[in-house]
PDB file of N, CA and C in Angstrom:
ATOM      1  N   MET A   1       0.765  -1.132   0.031  1.00  0.00           N
ATOM      2  CA  MET A   1       0.079   0.064  -0.062  1.00  0.00           C
ATOM      3  C   MET A   1       0.927   1.274  -0.038  1.00  0.00           C
ATOM      4  N   SER A   2       2.010   1.165   0.501  1.00  0.00           N
ATOM      5  CA  SER A   2       2.918   2.401   0.498  1.00  0.00           C
ATOM      6  C   SER A   2       3.237   2.896  -0.773  1.00  0.00           C
ATOM      7  N   PHE A   3       3.448   1.989  -1.769  1.00  0.00           N
ATOM      8  CA  PHE A   3       3.737   2.586  -3.171  1.00  0.00           C
ATOM      9  C   PHE A   3       2.528   3.171  -3.717  1.00  0.00           C
ATOM     10  N   ILE A   4       1.383   2.557  -3.506  1.00  0.00           N
ATOM     11  CA  ILE A   4       0.198   3.194  -4.065  1.00  0.00           C
ATOM     12  C   ILE A   4      -0.070   4.489  -3.480  1.00  0.00           C
ATOM     13  N   SER A   5       0.001   4.721  -2.165  1.00  0.00           N
ATOM     14  CA  SER A   5      -0.204   5.917  -1.549  1.00  0.00           C
ATOM     15  C   SER A   5       0.748   6.984  -1.977  1.00  0.00           C
ATOM     16  N   TYR A   6       2.003   6.518  -2.100  1.00  0.00           N
ATOM     17  CA  TYR A   6       3.139   7.480  -2.489  1.00  0.00           C
ATOM     18  C   TYR A   6       2.715   7.890  -3.991  1.00  0.00           C
ATOM     19  N   TYR A   7       2.231   6.992  -4.835  1.00  0.00           N
ATOM     20  CA  TYR A   7       2.149   7.338  -6.338  1.00  0.00           C
ATOM     21  C   TYR A   7       0.853   8.394  -6.417  1.00  0.00           C
ATOM     22  N   ILE A   8      -0.202   8.067  -5.497  1.00  0.00           N
ATOM     23  CA  ILE A   8      -1.401   8.972  -5.482  1.00  0.00           C
ATOM     24  C   ILE A   8      -1.101  10.320  -5.139  1.00  0.00           C
ATOM     25  N   MET A   9      -0.067  10.501  -4.060  1.00  0.00           N
ATOM     26  CA  MET A   9       0.294  11.746  -3.577  1.00  0.00           C
ATOM     27  C   MET A   9       1.108  12.371  -4.658  1.00  0.00           C
ATOM     28  N   ASP A  10       2.016  11.646  -5.408  1.00  0.00           N
ATOM     29  CA  ASP A  10       2.948  12.288  -6.385  1.00  0.00           C
ATOM     30  C   ASP A  10       2.080  12.513  -7.755  1.00  0.00           C
ATOM     31  N   ALA A  11       0.900  11.951  -7.922  1.00  0.00           N
ATOM     32  CA  ALA A  11       0.289  12.084  -9.283  1.00  0.00           C
ATOM     33  C   ALA A  11      -0.326  13.581  -9.315  1.00  0.00           C
ATOM     34  N   PHE A  12      -0.527  14.172  -8.237  1.00  0.00           N
ATOM     35  CA  PHE A  12      -0.918  15.602  -8.265  1.00  0.00           C
ATOM     36  C   PHE A  12       0.195  16.570  -8.090  1.00  0.00           C
ATOM     37  N   PRO A  13       0.805  17.011  -9.175  1.00  0.00           N
ATOM     38  CA  PRO A  13       1.986  17.759  -8.979  1.00  0.00           C
ATOM     39  C   PRO A  13       1.607  19.255  -8.510  1.00  0.00           C
ATOM     40  N   PRO A  14       2.507  19.870  -7.841  1.00  0.00           N
ATOM     41  CA  PRO A  14       2.217  21.272  -7.275  1.00  0.00           C
ATOM     42  C   PRO A  14       2.105  22.162  -8.590  1.00  0.00           C
ATOM     43  N   LEU A  15       1.339  23.242  -8.425  1.00  0.00           N
ATOM     44  CA  LEU A  15       0.997  24.192  -9.536  1.00  0.00           C
ATOM     45  C   LEU A  15       2.359  24.937  -9.845  1.00  0.00           C
ATOM     46  N   GLY A  16       2.471  25.047 -11.208  1.00  0.00           N
ATOM     47  CA  GLY A  16       3.810  25.663 -11.722  1.00  0.00           C
ATOM     48  C   GLY A  16       4.898  24.667 -11.931  1.00  0.00           C
ATOM     49  N   GLY A  17       6.055  25.191 -12.244  1.00  0.00           N
ATOM     50  CA  GLY A  17       7.243  24.309 -12.500  1.00  0.00           C
ATOM     51  C   GLY A  17       7.278  23.877 -13.907  1.00  0.00           C
ATOM     52  N   ASN A  18       8.194  22.904 -14.043  1.00  0.00           N
ATOM     53  CA  ASN A  18       8.459  22.328 -15.428  1.00  0.00           C
ATOM     54  C   ASN A  18       7.426  20.979 -15.609  1.00  0.00           C
ATOM     55  N   VAL A  19       6.426  21.266 -16.335  1.00  0.00           N
ATOM     56  CA  VAL A  19       5.344  20.334 -16.443  1.00  0.00           C
ATOM     57  C   VAL A  19       5.732  19.062 -17.295  1.00  0.00           C
ATOM     58  N   GLY A  20       6.643  19.311 -18.292  1.00  0.00           N
ATOM     59  CA  GLY A  20       7.160  18.193 -19.029  1.00  0.00           C
ATOM     60  C   GLY A  20       7.870  17.121 -18.190  1.00  0.00           C
ATOM     61  N   PHE A  21       8.801  17.737 -17.310  1.00  0.00           N
ATOM     62  CA  PHE A  21       9.658  16.838 -16.518  1.00  0.00           C
ATOM     63  C   PHE A  21       8.717  16.110 -15.492  1.00  0.00           C
ATOM     64  N   GLN A  22       7.612  16.837 -15.015  1.00  0.00           N
ATOM     65  CA  GLN A  22       6.818  16.127 -14.138  1.00  0.00           C
ATOM     66  C   GLN A  22       6.052  14.979 -14.689  1.00  0.00           C
ATOM     67  N   LYS A  23       5.695  15.072 -15.999  1.00  0.00           N
ATOM     68  CA  LYS A  23       4.963  14.121 -16.542  1.00  0.00           C
ATOM     69  C   LYS A  23       5.906  12.854 -16.753  1.00  0.00           C
ATOM     70  N   ILE A  24       7.031  13.125 -17.089  1.00  0.00           N
ATOM     71  CA  ILE A  24       8.069  11.955 -17.215  1.00  0.00           C
ATOM     72  C   ILE A  24       8.285  11.207 -15.771  1.00  0.00           C
ATOM     73  N   THR A  25       8.354  11.998 -14.783  1.00  0.00           N
ATOM     74  CA  THR A  25       8.626  11.661 -13.512  1.00  0.00           C
ATOM     75  C   THR A  25       7.338  10.721 -13.100  1.00  0.00           C
ATOM     76  N   ASN A  26       6.200  11.149 -13.327  1.00  0.00           N
ATOM     77  CA  ASN A  26       5.000  10.472 -13.002  1.00  0.00           C
ATOM     78  C   ASN A  26       4.879   9.063 -13.698  1.00  0.00           C
ATOM     79  N   LEU A  27       5.356   9.177 -14.979  1.00  0.00           N
ATOM     80  CA  LEU A  27       5.443   7.949 -15.852  1.00  0.00           C
ATOM     81  C   LEU A  27       6.436   6.930 -15.235  1.00  0.00           C
ATOM     82  N   LEU A  28       7.606   7.334 -14.866  1.00  0.00           N
ATOM     83  CA  LEU A  28       8.455   6.597 -14.280  1.00  0.00           C
ATOM     84  C   LEU A  28       8.074   6.003 -12.873  1.00  0.00           C
ATOM     85  N   ASN A  29       7.398   6.816 -12.119  1.00  0.00           N
ATOM     86  CA  ASN A  29       6.960   6.326 -10.838  1.00  0.00           C
ATOM     87  C   ASN A  29       5.784   5.204 -10.886  1.00  0.00           C
ATOM     88  N   PHE A  30       5.082   5.467 -12.031  1.00  0.00           N
ATOM     89  CA  PHE A  30       3.990   4.372 -12.259  1.00  0.00           C
ATOM     90  C   PHE A  30       4.597   3.039 -12.772  1.00  0.00           C
ATOM     91  N   SER A  31       5.580   3.349 -13.658  1.00  0.00           N
ATOM     92  CA  SER A  31       6.358   1.982 -14.010  1.00  0.00           C
ATOM     93  C   SER A  31       7.047   1.277 -12.895  1.00  0.00           C
ATOM     94  N   LEU A  32       7.595   2.173 -11.939  1.00  0.00           N
ATOM     95  CA  LEU A  32       8.228   1.630 -10.761  1.00  0.00           C
ATOM     96  C   LEU A  32       7.234   0.751  -9.851  1.00  0.00           C
ATOM     97  N   LEU A  33       6.064   1.472  -9.704  1.00  0.00           N
ATOM     98  CA  LEU A  33       5.025   0.821  -8.989  1.00  0.00           C
ATOM     99  C   LEU A  33       4.477  -0.418  -9.637  1.00  0.00           C
ATOM    100  N   LYS A  34       4.301  -0.559 -10.953  1.00  0.00           N
ATOM    101  CA  LYS A  34       4.021  -1.756 -11.557  1.00  0.00           C
ATOM    102  C   LYS A  34       5.090  -2.793 -11.308  1.00  0.00           C
ATOM    103  N   LEU A  35       6.349  -2.330 -11.480  1.00  0.00           N
ATOM    104  CA  LEU A  35       7.403  -3.377 -11.439  1.00  0.00           C
ATOM    105  C   LEU A  35       7.679  -3.991  -9.943  1.00  0.00           C
ATOM    106  N   VAL A  36       7.470  -2.979  -9.045  1.00  0.00           N
ATOM    107  CA  VAL A  36       7.895  -3.362  -7.670  1.00  0.00           C
ATOM    108  C   VAL A  36       6.736  -3.998  -6.762  1.00  0.00           C
ATOM    109  N   GLU A  37       5.343  -3.573  -7.093  1.00  0.00           N
ATOM    110  CA  GLU A  37       4.452  -4.042  -6.322  1.00  0.00           C
ATOM    111  C   GLU A  37       3.410  -4.923  -7.031  1.00  0.00           C
ATOM    112  N   ILE A  38       2.920  -4.429  -8.112  1.00  0.00           N
ATOM    113  CA  ILE A  38       1.874  -5.159  -8.704  1.00  0.00           C
ATOM    114  C   ILE A  38       2.280  -6.421  -9.492  1.00  0.00           C
ATOM    115  N   LEU A  39       3.453  -6.431 -10.036  1.00  0.00           N
ATOM    116  CA  LEU A  39       3.955  -7.587 -10.859  1.00  0.00           C
ATOM    117  C   LEU A  39       4.181  -8.836  -9.804  1.00  0.00           C
ATOM    118  N   PRO A  40       4.954  -8.583  -8.794  1.00  0.00           N
ATOM    119  CA  PRO A  40       5.148  -9.599  -7.781  1.00  0.00           C
ATOM    120  C   PRO A  40       3.906 -10.115  -7.151  1.00  0.00           C
ATOM    121  N   SER A  41       2.929  -9.221  -6.810  1.00  0.00           N
ATOM    122  CA  SER A  41       1.603  -9.670  -6.202  1.00  0.00           C
ATOM    123  C   SER A  41       0.820 -10.558  -7.266  1.00  0.00           C
ATOM    124  N   SER A  42       0.887 -10.121  -8.556  1.00  0.00           N
ATOM    125  CA  SER A  42       0.175 -10.866  -9.496  1.00  0.00           C
ATOM    126  C   SER A  42       0.902 -12.270  -9.763  1.00  0.00           C
ATOM    127  N   LEU A  43       2.173 -12.386  -9.545  1.00  0.00           N
ATOM    128  CA  LEU A  43       2.828 -13.516  -9.771  1.00  0.00           C
ATOM    129  C   LEU A  43       2.616 -14.607  -8.633  1.00  0.00           C
ATOM    130  N   VAL A  44       2.473 -14.012  -7.395  1.00  0.00           N
ATOM    131  CA  VAL A  44       2.205 -14.848  -6.244  1.00  0.00           C
ATOM    132  C   VAL A  44       0.762 -15.510  -6.303  1.00  0.00           C
ATOM    133  N   LEU A  45      -0.152 -14.541  -6.669  1.00  0.00           N
ATOM    134  CA  LEU A  45      -1.479 -15.077  -6.866  1.00  0.00           C
ATOM    135  C   LEU A  45      -1.610 -16.093  -7.962  1.00  0.00           C
ATOM    136  N   PHE A  46      -0.992 -15.942  -9.065  1.00  0.00           N
ATOM    137  CA  PHE A  46      -0.988 -16.844 -10.177  1.00  0.00           C
ATOM    138  C   PHE A  46      -0.375 -18.187  -9.806  1.00  0.00           C
ATOM    139  N   ILE A  47       0.740 -18.228  -8.964  1.00  0.00           N
ATOM    140  CA  ILE A  47       1.474 -19.361  -8.531  1.00  0.00           C
ATOM    141  C   ILE A  47       0.361 -20.058  -7.465  1.00  0.00           C
ATOM    142  N   LEU A  48      -0.132 -19.290  -6.542  1.00  0.00           N
ATOM    143  CA  LEU A  48      -1.101 -19.927  -5.602  1.00  0.00           C
ATOM    144  C   LEU A  48      -2.308 -20.558  -6.260  1.00  0.00           C
ATOM    145  N   ARG A  49      -2.851 -19.883  -7.342  1.00  0.00           N
ATOM    146  CA  ARG A  49      -3.892 -20.543  -8.071  1.00  0.00           C
ATOM    147  C   ARG A  49      -3.654 -21.791  -8.726  1.00  0.00           C
ATOM    148  N   LYS A  50      -2.375 -21.896  -9.235  1.00  0.00           N
ATOM    149  CA  LYS A  50      -2.014 -23.134  -9.858  1.00  0.00           C
ATOM    150  C   LYS A  50      -1.660 -24.397  -8.998  1.00  0.00           C
ATOM    151  N   LEU A  51      -1.388 -24.151  -7.773  1.00  0.00           N
ATOM    152  CA  LEU A  51      -1.142 -25.154  -6.794  1.00  0.00           C
ATOM    153  C   LEU A  51      -2.269 -26.157  -6.659  1.00  0.00           C
ATOM    154  N   PRO A  52      -1.966 -27.396  -6.466  1.00  0.00           N
ATOM    155  CA  PRO A  52      -3.039 -28.414  -6.258  1.00  0.00           C
ATOM    156  C   PRO A  52      -3.802 -28.131  -4.863  1.00  0.00           C
ATOM    157  N   PRO A  53      -5.148 -28.421  -4.807  1.00  0.00           N
ATOM    158  CA  PRO A  53      -5.786 -28.249  -3.562  1.00  0.00           C
ATOM    159  C   PRO A  53      -5.201 -29.006  -2.431  1.00  0.00           C
ATOM    160  N   LYS A  54      -5.338 -28.549  -1.187  1.00  0.00           N
ATOM    161  CA  LYS A  54      -4.887 -29.124   0.052  1.00  0.00           C
ATOM    162  C   LYS A  54      -5.629 -30.382   0.159  1.00  0.00           C
ATOM    163  N   ARG A  55      -4.842 -31.434   0.469  1.00  0.00           N
ATOM    164  CA  ARG A  55      -5.578 -32.743   0.661  1.00  0.00           C
ATOM    165  C   ARG A  55      -5.666 -32.865   2.085  1.00  0.00           C
ATOM    166  N   GLY A  56      -6.791 -33.694   2.582  1.00  0.00           N
ATOM    167  CA  GLY A  56      -6.919 -33.981   4.004  1.00  0.00           C
ATOM    168  C   GLY A  56      -6.155 -35.345   4.246  1.00  0.00           C
ATOM    169  N   ILE A  57      -5.770 -35.503   5.656  1.00  0.00           N
ATOM    170  CA  ILE A  57      -5.012 -36.605   5.865  1.00  0.00           C
ATOM    171  C   ILE A  57      -5.941 -37.951   5.824  1.00  0.00           C
ATOM    172  N   THR A  58      -5.795 -38.763   4.878  1.00  0.00           N
ATOM    173  CA  THR A  58      -6.681 -39.998   4.854  1.00  0.00           C
ATOM    174  C   THR A  58      -5.922 -41.243   5.415  1.00  0.00           C
ATOM    175  N   GLN A  59      -4.700 -41.223   5.410  1.00  0.00           N
ATOM    176  CA  GLN A  59      -4.029 -42.512   5.885  1.00  0.00           C
ATOM    177  C   GLN A  59      -3.987 -42.860   7.393  1.00  0.00           C
ATOM    178  N   TYR A  60      -4.254 -41.777   8.095  1.00  0.00           N
ATOM    179  CA  TYR A  60      -4.281 -41.878   9.625  1.00  0.00           C
ATOM    180  C   TYR A  60      -5.668 -41.887  10.194  1.00  0.00           C
ATOM    181  N   HIS A  61      -5.919 -42.927  11.026  1.00  0.00           N
ATOM    182  CA  HIS A  61      -7.261 -43.085  11.692  1.00  0.00           C
ATOM    183  C   HIS A  61      -7.163 -42.498  13.151  1.00  0.00           C
ATOM    184  N   PRO A  62      -8.252 -42.063  13.648  1.00  0.00           N
ATOM    185  CA  PRO A  62      -8.188 -41.521  15.068  1.00  0.00           C
ATOM    186  C   PRO A  62      -8.139 -42.841  15.958  1.00  0.00           C
ATOM    187  N   ILE A  63      -7.491 -42.573  17.137  1.00  0.00           N
ATOM    188  CA  ILE A  63      -7.337 -43.635  18.151  1.00  0.00           C
ATOM    189  C   ILE A  63      -8.621 -43.769  18.949  1.00  0.00           C
ATOM    190  N   ARG A  64      -9.075 -45.091  19.074  1.00  0.00           N
ATOM    191  CA  ARG A  64     -10.239 -45.364  19.670  1.00  0.00           C
ATOM    192  C   ARG A  64     -10.086 -45.437  21.057  1.00  0.00           C
TER     193      ARG A  64
END
């Protein structure tokens, strides 16, 4: 969440200044956000989805 909140705060540049440079900076920040936070999260979710379902223990019986 820290990268998302940082990007939202940085997406609204202060008034004035060099607007062209600010657009490039925002684009680089967004690509960094995708690379560092969104891509690994998607990869983990994809791998977890592909894992086989958890099996119950069927070979052991309760002690009577």
